[in-house]
Amino acid sequence: MDIQIQSIQWSQLPLENDLDYYKIFFTELGMTYSVDQVNYRAPAFSAIFLAPHQHFLVIANPDKRLELTQVLFNGDYYCIELHKHDVACNGLLFNTVYQLPHVELSASVFEELLQLCQKMILIMSRESKFSNAILKSYLQLILALTSDEKQKYIDQHSYFKQLTNIDGIIFQELVEQNYKVEKSISFYASAMNMTAGALSKRIKKTLQKSPSKIIQERTILEAKKLLHLTYKSIKEIANELYFEDQHYFSRYFKNTVGISPLRYREQVGISEVANLSQ
C-alpha cells in the first residue's frame, strides 16, 4: 500500500500496523489527543500530522461517534524532502519539534480538503494508467493547502507568538546549536542563567512539553532523518549524534520510538534523496 484514504472511528485507534506511514487526520469535532505521550487539544475543523513511527492516541472527545478521515502515504510514494521546494511541509506539518502537530482550519477549507479526499477515493476505485499521477497531484495539493493554512495559523495564533519571547528564542537556538553534543537540561539552564527547575517551568508553559522532551525529540528527529535520507551506518549516525557507542544509541532510539534504528530503516526505507547526496 503506497497511499490510502479511509474514515475511521476514534475508538479504532491506535492502528500500530500503520506506523510506517505519514498520516493526516481530519477531524470535524474538537478533541484531546497525544503524540508520543505529549497531550494536545485540537479544536473543531482541524488537521493533525504524524511522521512515521509517531504514536497517536485520542484521549478525550465529547462525542463518542467521532469519525476521522485518515490519509496515509508511504515516504517512497511521495517524498516530502524531495518536494520541499514545491511544498514546504517538512518541519511545518511533519517533523516538528517546536510547533503543534495540528492546525485549525476554516470550515470552507476543511470541506475543500474532504472533497479532495473523496475525489482521491473515487480515482483509487478506477483502473487508469493516469491514476497514480493524479493521486500524487491531489496529495500535493492537500499538503500545499494545509501548509498555507499552518503558516497563517502560526502568524496569528497566540501559542506561536509565545515562542518569540526571549526565553523561547534563546532556548530554541541553544538546542539547535548543541543538541548533538549536549543532551542534559543542566547545560541549557546554565547557559540561560537559571536553574533546571526554572527552565523546565518556563519552557513547558510555552511549548507544552519539558526541555528534556524537546531535546530528546530533536535528537530523534535527526536520527530518523539520517536513517531515512542517507546510507550512513548505525555506528556512523551514533558517532554523528555524539553517543558513547552504537549500542547506547540503539537503546536510546528504541526507548523513544519503540523499535531499533535498524528496524526503523528496514520498515521506513532509505529515500531516493540519499542517492542525490552521494
Protein backbone atom coordinates (compact mmCIF):
# COMPACT_ATOMS: atom_id res chain seq x y z
CA MET A 1 0.00 0.00 0.00
CA ASP A 2 1.52 3.32 -1.11
CA ILE A 3 -1.43 5.58 -0.28
CA GLN A 4 -4.73 5.01 1.49
CA ILE A 5 -7.69 7.17 2.45
CA GLN A 6 -10.37 6.00 4.85
CA SER A 7 -12.82 7.05 7.52
CA ILE A 8 -12.24 5.51 10.93
CA GLN A 9 -13.87 5.70 14.34
CA TRP A 10 -11.62 7.16 17.02
CA SER A 11 -12.19 4.01 19.09
CA GLN A 12 -10.24 2.06 16.44
CA LEU A 13 -7.05 3.97 17.26
CA PRO A 14 -4.17 3.46 17.64
CA LEU A 15 -3.51 1.42 14.48
CA GLU A 16 0.01 0.16 15.15
CA ASN A 17 0.24 -1.54 11.75
CA ASP A 18 0.17 1.92 10.11
CA LEU A 19 3.27 3.24 11.89
CA ASP A 20 5.44 3.14 8.76
CA TYR A 21 3.38 5.84 7.04
CA TYR A 22 2.95 9.59 7.07
CA LYS A 23 -0.55 10.37 8.32
CA ILE A 24 -3.01 13.22 8.14
CA PHE A 25 -6.14 13.12 10.30
CA PHE A 26 -9.06 15.45 9.59
CA THR A 27 -11.48 15.92 12.49
CA GLU A 28 -14.68 17.93 12.35
CA LEU A 29 -15.03 17.86 16.14
CA GLY A 30 -12.63 19.11 18.78
CA MET A 31 -10.69 16.51 20.74
CA THR A 32 -7.80 15.93 23.11
CA TYR A 33 -5.09 13.67 21.77
CA SER A 34 -1.47 12.70 22.41
CA VAL A 35 1.52 12.33 20.13
CA ASP A 36 4.47 10.47 21.63
CA GLN A 37 2.99 10.89 25.12
CA VAL A 38 2.53 14.67 24.88
CA ASN A 39 -1.08 15.88 25.16
CA TYR A 40 -2.66 18.45 22.84
CA ARG A 41 -6.11 19.93 22.30
CA ALA A 42 -7.28 20.20 18.68
CA PRO A 43 -10.28 22.46 18.03
CA ALA A 44 -13.08 21.64 15.59
CA PHE A 45 -12.14 21.55 11.89
CA SER A 46 -8.53 20.55 12.49
CA ALA A 47 -5.89 18.58 10.61
CA ILE A 48 -3.30 16.56 12.58
CA PHE A 49 0.01 15.46 11.04
CA LEU A 50 2.18 12.50 12.01
CA ALA A 51 5.51 11.29 10.64
CA PRO A 52 6.35 7.55 10.55
CA HIS A 53 6.55 5.90 13.96
CA GLN A 54 4.93 8.68 15.90
CA HIS A 55 2.40 7.27 18.34
CA PHE A 56 -1.08 8.83 18.24
CA LEU A 57 -3.89 8.35 20.72
CA VAL A 58 -7.28 10.05 21.17
CA ILE A 59 -7.65 10.82 24.88
CA ALA A 60 -10.96 12.64 25.21
CA ASN A 61 -13.78 13.71 22.95
CA PRO A 62 -17.27 14.86 23.88
CA ASP A 63 -18.87 12.89 21.03
CA LYS A 64 -18.28 9.14 21.14
CA ARG A 65 -19.26 8.98 17.48
CA LEU A 66 -16.17 10.94 16.43
CA GLU A 67 -15.08 9.89 12.96
CA LEU A 68 -11.73 10.84 11.46
CA THR A 69 -10.76 10.99 7.82
CA GLN A 70 -7.29 9.49 7.56
CA VAL A 71 -4.79 9.93 4.73
CA LEU A 72 -1.77 7.63 4.81
CA PHE A 73 1.12 7.65 2.38
CA ASN A 74 4.49 5.99 2.09
CA GLY A 75 7.62 8.12 2.11
CA ASP A 76 8.77 6.47 -1.11
CA TYR A 77 5.42 7.18 -2.76
CA TYR A 78 5.66 10.91 -2.04
CA CYS A 79 8.97 12.11 -0.62
CA ILE A 80 8.36 15.33 1.30
CA GLU A 81 12.09 16.08 1.38
CA LEU A 82 12.40 15.70 -2.41
CA HIS A 83 9.43 18.05 -2.91
CA LYS A 84 10.47 20.58 -0.26
CA HIS A 85 10.73 23.36 -2.84
CA ASP A 86 7.21 22.64 -4.12
CA VAL A 87 5.52 22.02 -0.77
CA ALA A 88 7.40 23.22 2.30
CA CYS A 89 5.67 20.81 4.68
CA ASN A 90 8.74 19.15 6.20
CA GLY A 91 9.27 20.94 9.51
CA LEU A 92 5.97 22.79 9.13
CA LEU A 93 3.40 19.97 9.04
CA PHE A 94 5.60 16.94 9.70
CA ASN A 95 8.75 16.51 11.79
CA THR A 96 8.01 19.46 14.04
CA VAL A 97 9.65 19.90 17.42
CA TYR A 98 8.69 23.44 18.43
CA GLN A 99 5.22 23.53 16.89
CA LEU A 100 1.82 21.96 17.43
CA PRO A 101 1.09 18.78 15.43
CA HIS A 102 -2.26 20.19 14.31
CA VAL A 103 -3.66 23.21 12.53
CA GLU A 104 -7.13 24.71 12.89
CA LEU A 105 -8.85 25.20 9.51
CA SER A 106 -11.77 27.31 8.41
CA ALA A 107 -14.96 25.34 7.73
CA SER A 108 -14.66 26.12 4.00
CA VAL A 109 -11.05 24.91 3.70
CA PHE A 110 -11.88 21.84 5.78
CA GLU A 111 -14.73 20.98 3.41
CA GLU A 112 -12.48 21.55 0.38
CA LEU A 113 -9.91 19.13 1.77
CA LEU A 114 -12.54 16.46 2.46
CA GLN A 115 -13.79 16.87 -1.11
CA LEU A 116 -10.26 16.28 -2.38
CA CYS A 117 -10.09 13.12 -0.28
CA GLN A 118 -13.36 11.90 -1.79
CA LYS A 119 -12.04 12.56 -5.29
CA MET A 120 -8.94 10.54 -4.47
CA ILE A 121 -11.07 7.64 -3.19
CA LEU A 122 -13.00 7.70 -6.46
CA ILE A 123 -9.81 7.68 -8.53
CA MET A 124 -8.41 4.79 -6.49
CA SER A 125 -11.53 2.75 -7.33
CA ARG A 126 -10.85 3.07 -11.06
CA GLU A 127 -8.18 1.44 -13.19
CA SER A 128 -6.30 4.00 -15.25
CA LYS A 129 -2.66 4.47 -16.23
CA PHE A 130 -3.01 8.08 -15.10
CA SER A 131 -4.40 7.30 -11.63
CA ASN A 132 -1.04 7.43 -9.86
CA ALA A 133 -0.09 10.81 -11.30
CA ILE A 134 -3.50 12.26 -10.43
CA LEU A 135 -3.37 10.91 -6.88
CA LYS A 136 0.08 12.42 -6.29
CA SER A 137 -1.15 15.75 -7.64
CA TYR A 138 -4.13 15.71 -5.26
CA LEU A 139 -1.90 14.72 -2.34
CA GLN A 140 0.47 17.57 -3.15
CA LEU A 141 -2.50 19.94 -3.31
CA ILE A 142 -3.66 18.79 0.14
CA LEU A 143 -0.16 19.32 1.54
CA ALA A 144 0.12 22.75 -0.11
CA LEU A 145 -3.27 23.91 1.17
CA THR A 146 -2.60 22.72 4.72
CA SER A 147 0.93 24.20 4.68
CA ASP A 148 -0.55 27.54 3.69
CA GLU A 149 -3.14 27.30 6.48
CA LYS A 150 -0.49 26.25 9.01
CA GLN A 151 1.67 29.25 8.15
CA LYS A 152 -1.33 31.58 8.60
CA TYR A 153 -2.10 29.82 11.88
CA ILE A 154 1.47 30.35 13.10
CA ASP A 155 1.34 34.04 12.23
CA GLN A 156 -1.92 34.59 14.09
CA HIS A 157 -2.11 32.08 16.94
CA SER A 158 -1.08 33.10 20.46
CA TYR A 159 0.71 29.77 21.03
CA PHE A 160 3.30 30.64 18.40
CA LYS A 161 3.55 34.26 19.47
CA GLN A 162 4.82 32.98 22.82
CA LEU A 163 7.79 31.46 21.02
CA THR A 164 9.03 34.92 20.12
CA ASN A 165 9.71 35.78 23.76
CA ILE A 166 13.37 35.97 24.66
CA ASP A 167 13.43 32.69 26.63
CA GLY A 168 11.81 30.77 23.77
CA ILE A 169 14.20 32.20 21.17
CA ILE A 170 17.32 31.58 23.26
CA PHE A 171 16.30 28.03 24.18
CA GLN A 172 15.48 27.04 20.58
CA GLU A 173 18.75 28.49 19.32
CA LEU A 174 20.71 26.70 22.04
CA VAL A 175 19.03 23.37 21.25
CA GLU A 176 19.65 23.73 17.50
CA GLN A 177 23.30 24.56 18.11
CA ASN A 178 24.05 21.98 20.80
CA TYR A 179 21.59 19.06 20.85
CA LYS A 180 24.05 16.65 19.24
CA VAL A 181 26.63 17.16 21.97
CA GLU A 182 24.59 18.39 24.95
CA LYS A 183 21.53 16.37 25.96
CA SER A 184 21.37 17.43 29.62
CA ILE A 185 18.94 20.11 30.87
CA SER A 186 21.65 21.45 33.20
CA PHE A 187 23.72 22.67 30.22
CA TYR A 188 20.83 24.72 28.81
CA ALA A 189 19.78 26.02 32.21
CA SER A 190 23.34 27.18 32.92
CA ALA A 191 23.59 28.84 29.50
CA MET A 192 20.37 30.74 30.24
CA ASN A 193 21.46 31.67 33.80
CA MET A 194 18.65 29.86 35.58
CA THR A 195 18.06 26.66 37.49
CA ALA A 196 16.93 23.50 35.75
CA GLY A 197 13.61 23.76 37.57
CA ALA A 198 13.00 27.33 36.40
CA LEU A 199 13.89 26.40 32.82
CA SER A 200 11.53 23.42 32.86
CA LYS A 201 8.69 25.56 34.19
CA ARG A 202 9.14 28.31 31.59
CA ILE A 203 9.60 26.04 28.58
CA LYS A 204 6.75 23.71 29.49
CA LYS A 205 4.42 26.69 29.84
CA THR A 206 5.43 27.92 26.38
CA LEU A 207 5.83 24.67 24.41
CA GLN A 208 3.56 22.32 26.39
CA LYS A 209 6.43 19.90 26.91
CA SER A 210 9.56 19.78 29.02
CA PRO A 211 13.03 20.86 27.86
CA SER A 212 14.25 17.26 28.14
CA LYS A 213 11.41 16.10 25.88
CA ILE A 214 12.29 18.76 23.31
CA ILE A 215 15.98 17.81 23.36
CA GLN A 216 15.01 14.16 23.00
CA GLU A 217 12.61 14.88 20.14
CA ARG A 218 15.22 16.97 18.30
CA THR A 219 17.81 14.19 18.67
CA ILE A 220 15.40 11.50 17.49
CA LEU A 221 14.24 13.67 14.57
CA GLU A 222 17.84 14.00 13.37
CA ALA A 223 18.42 10.27 13.84
CA LYS A 224 15.32 9.48 11.76
CA LYS A 225 16.48 11.86 9.02
CA LEU A 226 19.91 10.25 8.87
CA LEU A 227 18.39 6.76 8.81
CA HIS A 228 15.91 7.66 6.06
CA LEU A 229 17.81 10.18 3.94
CA THR A 230 21.37 8.78 4.00
CA TYR A 231 23.23 5.50 3.66
CA LYS A 232 25.24 6.14 6.81
CA SER A 233 25.68 3.13 9.08
CA ILE A 234 24.12 2.95 12.54
CA LYS A 235 27.60 3.38 14.00
CA GLU A 236 28.26 6.49 11.90
CA ILE A 237 24.92 8.00 12.94
CA ALA A 238 25.65 7.24 16.61
CA ASN A 239 29.01 8.99 16.28
CA GLU A 240 27.48 12.00 14.50
CA LEU A 241 24.99 12.41 17.33
CA TYR A 242 27.76 12.03 19.95
CA PHE A 243 26.52 8.87 21.63
CA GLU A 244 29.05 6.84 23.57
CA ASP A 245 28.65 3.89 21.24
CA GLN A 246 26.27 2.28 18.76
CA HIS A 247 24.57 0.15 21.43
CA TYR A 248 23.74 3.11 23.67
CA PHE A 249 22.32 4.99 20.68
CA SER A 250 20.20 1.97 19.73
CA ARG A 251 18.77 1.73 23.26
CA TYR A 252 18.06 5.48 23.34
CA PHE A 253 16.29 5.29 19.97
CA LYS A 254 14.28 2.17 20.82
CA ASN A 255 13.16 3.55 24.20
CA THR A 256 11.76 6.62 22.42
CA VAL A 257 10.48 5.25 19.09
CA GLY A 258 9.59 1.71 20.08
CA ILE A 259 11.84 -0.07 17.59
CA SER A 260 15.58 -0.18 16.94
CA PRO A 261 17.30 2.13 14.42
CA LEU A 262 17.96 -0.84 12.15
CA ARG A 263 14.32 -1.92 12.27
CA TYR A 264 13.19 1.66 11.61
CA ARG A 265 15.38 1.83 8.50
CA GLU A 266 14.09 -1.55 7.31
CA GLN A 267 10.46 -0.51 7.73
CA VAL A 268 10.61 3.10 6.50
CA GLY A 269 13.29 2.50 3.88
CA ILE A 270 16.04 4.73 2.52
CA SER A 271 14.74 7.65 0.47
CA GLU A 272 15.78 8.34 -3.10
CA VAL A 273 17.13 11.61 -1.72
CA ALA A 274 20.05 9.56 -0.35
CA ASN A 275 21.18 8.86 -3.91
CA LEU A 276 21.32 12.58 -4.69
CA SER A 277 23.78 13.25 -1.88
CA GLN A 278 26.28 10.60 -2.96
